[in-house]
C-alpha atoms as a PDB file:
ATOM      1  CA  MET A   1     -33.162  79.294  -3.969  1.00  0.00           C
ATOM      2  CA  ARG A   2     -34.357  75.775  -4.600  1.00  0.00           C
ATOM      3  CA  ILE A   3     -35.076  72.957  -2.139  1.00  0.00           C
ATOM      4  CA  LYS A   4     -35.778  69.314  -2.463  1.00  0.00           C
ATOM      5  CA  LEU A   5     -37.769  67.241   0.032  1.00  0.00           C
ATOM      6  CA  PRO A   6     -37.652  63.476  -0.588  1.00  0.00           C
ATOM      7  CA  LEU A   7     -40.287  61.045   0.477  1.00  0.00           C
ATOM      8  CA  ASN A   8     -38.366  58.636   2.714  1.00  0.00           C
ATOM      9  CA  TRP A   9     -38.506  57.103   6.197  1.00  0.00           C
ATOM     10  CA  LYS A  10     -37.602  60.407   7.777  1.00  0.00           C
ATOM     11  CA  THR A  11     -40.326  62.436   6.083  1.00  0.00           C
ATOM     12  CA  ARG A  12     -43.106  59.768   5.693  1.00  0.00           C
ATOM     13  CA  ASN A  13     -46.107  59.771   7.879  1.00  0.00           C
ATOM     14  CA  TYR A  14     -48.314  56.883   8.943  1.00  0.00           C
ATOM     15  CA  VAL A  15     -50.327  56.828   5.766  1.00  0.00           C
ATOM     16  CA  GLY A  16     -47.253  56.933   3.493  1.00  0.00           C
ATOM     17  CA  THR A  17     -47.183  60.570   2.398  1.00  0.00           C
ATOM     18  CA  ILE A  18     -44.868  63.410   3.348  1.00  0.00           C
ATOM     19  CA  PHE A  19     -45.545  64.574   6.815  1.00  0.00           C
ATOM     20  CA  GLY A  20     -46.977  68.192   6.806  1.00  0.00           C
ATOM     21  CA  GLY A  21     -44.466  69.185   9.393  1.00  0.00           C
ATOM     22  CA  SER A  22     -41.656  68.112   7.072  1.00  0.00           C
ATOM     23  CA  MET A  23     -43.113  70.229   4.335  1.00  0.00           C
ATOM     24  CA  TYR A  24     -43.484  73.228   6.485  1.00  0.00           C
ATOM     25  CA  GLY A  25     -40.083  72.841   8.182  1.00  0.00           C
ATOM     26  CA  ALA A  26     -38.456  72.641   4.821  1.00  0.00           C
ATOM     27  CA  VAL A  27     -39.841  75.968   3.520  1.00  0.00           C
ATOM     28  CA  ASP A  28     -40.366  78.047   6.737  1.00  0.00           C
ATOM     29  CA  PRO A  29     -36.873  79.533   7.042  1.00  0.00           C
ATOM     30  CA  ILE A  30     -36.109  80.128   3.340  1.00  0.00           C
ATOM     31  CA  TYR A  31     -37.285  83.717   2.892  1.00  0.00           C
ATOM     32  CA  MET A  32     -35.797  84.894   6.162  1.00  0.00           C
ATOM     33  CA  ILE A  33     -32.379  83.410   5.205  1.00  0.00           C
ATOM     34  CA  MET A  34     -32.575  84.890   1.803  1.00  0.00           C
ATOM     35  CA  PHE A  35     -33.281  88.401   3.166  1.00  0.00           C
ATOM     36  CA  ILE A  36     -30.489  88.122   5.794  1.00  0.00           C
ATOM     37  CA  LYS A  37     -28.026  87.213   2.986  1.00  0.00           C
ATOM     38  CA  LEU A  38     -29.363  89.960   0.564  1.00  0.00           C
ATOM     39  CA  LEU A  39     -29.776  92.799   3.051  1.00  0.00           C
ATOM     40  CA  GLY A  40     -26.557  92.284   4.933  1.00  0.00           C
ATOM     41  CA  PRO A  41     -25.449  92.900   8.517  1.00  0.00           C
ATOM     42  CA  LYS A  42     -27.032  96.381   8.716  1.00  0.00           C
ATOM     43  CA  TYR A  43     -30.479  94.671   8.995  1.00  0.00           C
ATOM     44  CA  ILE A  44     -32.050  92.415  11.607  1.00  0.00           C
ATOM     45  CA  VAL A  45     -34.419  90.010   9.901  1.00  0.00           C
ATOM     46  CA  TRP A  46     -37.109  88.083  11.841  1.00  0.00           C
ATOM     47  CA  ASP A  47     -39.562  85.514  10.571  1.00  0.00           C
ATOM     48  CA  LYS A  48     -42.698  86.907  12.297  1.00  0.00           C
ATOM     49  CA  ALA A  49     -45.524  84.694  10.887  1.00  0.00           C
ATOM     50  CA  ALA A  50     -46.292  82.236   8.185  1.00  0.00           C
ATOM     51  CA  THR A  51     -49.154  80.130   6.941  1.00  0.00           C
ATOM     52  CA  ILE A  52     -49.258  76.998   4.779  1.00  0.00           C
ATOM     53  CA  ARG A  53     -52.086  75.597   2.694  1.00  0.00           C
ATOM     54  CA  PHE A  54     -51.645  71.924   1.821  1.00  0.00           C
ATOM     55  CA  ARG A  55     -53.155  71.346  -1.632  1.00  0.00           C
ATOM     56  CA  LYS A  56     -52.646  67.593  -1.833  1.00  0.00           C
ATOM     57  CA  PRO A  57     -50.694  64.787  -0.165  1.00  0.00           C
ATOM     58  CA  GLY A  58     -46.942  64.568  -1.049  1.00  0.00           C
ATOM     59  CA  ARG A  59     -46.657  61.119  -2.651  1.00  0.00           C
ATOM     60  CA  THR A  60     -43.240  61.710  -4.184  1.00  0.00           C
ATOM     61  CA  THR A  61     -40.199  63.921  -3.805  1.00  0.00           C
ATOM     62  CA  MET A  62     -41.324  67.502  -3.542  1.00  0.00           C
ATOM     63  CA  TYR A  63     -39.497  70.574  -4.951  1.00  0.00           C
ATOM     64  CA  ALA A  64     -39.868  74.274  -4.160  1.00  0.00           C
ATOM     65  CA  ARG A  65     -38.357  77.347  -5.752  1.00  0.00           C
ATOM     66  CA  PHE A  66     -38.116  80.697  -3.996  1.00  0.00           C
ATOM     67  CA  ILE A  67     -37.614  83.937  -5.978  1.00  0.00           C
ATOM     68  CA  LEU A  68     -36.999  87.519  -4.685  1.00  0.00           C
ATOM     69  CA  GLU A  69     -36.994  90.182  -7.292  1.00  0.00           C
ATOM     70  CA  GLN A  70     -34.425  92.978  -6.841  1.00  0.00           C
ATOM     71  CA  GLU A  71     -37.291  95.533  -6.645  1.00  0.00           C
ATOM     72  CA  GLU A  72     -38.683  93.780  -3.590  1.00  0.00           C
ATOM     73  CA  VAL A  73     -35.294  93.975  -1.835  1.00  0.00           C
ATOM     74  CA  GLU A  74     -34.887  97.630  -2.783  1.00  0.00           C
ATOM     75  CA  ALA A  75     -38.371  98.436  -1.654  1.00  0.00           C
ATOM     76  CA  ILE A  76     -37.626  96.921   1.721  1.00  0.00           C
ATOM     77  CA  GLN A  77     -34.356  98.795   2.015  1.00  0.00           C
ATOM     78  CA  LYS A  78     -36.136 102.108   1.030  1.00  0.00           C
ATOM     79  CA  GLY A  79     -39.014 101.391   3.512  1.00  0.00           C
ATOM     80  CA  THR A  80     -36.661 100.840   6.405  1.00  0.00           C
ATOM     81  CA  GLU A  81     -34.463 103.887   5.937  1.00  0.00           C
ATOM     82  CA  PRO A  82     -34.449 106.217   9.009  1.00  0.00           C
END
């Protein structure tokens, strides 16, 4: 999955960079949604905790790419079998 977060009047903070809350809000639900779609209705998926480390100010449009390997999904399925 890929996302794009533009620097505009909705995401810009007082000093002209992308607000940290906008960055976090853009990426926070992604893995949970991916797992919900990949695992299907047999599973209940919760986003329990997350952290973010800001490396530098967002001065332009930001992009993120999220990858789940099939092995990860299978390991979760196997690890949650009764």
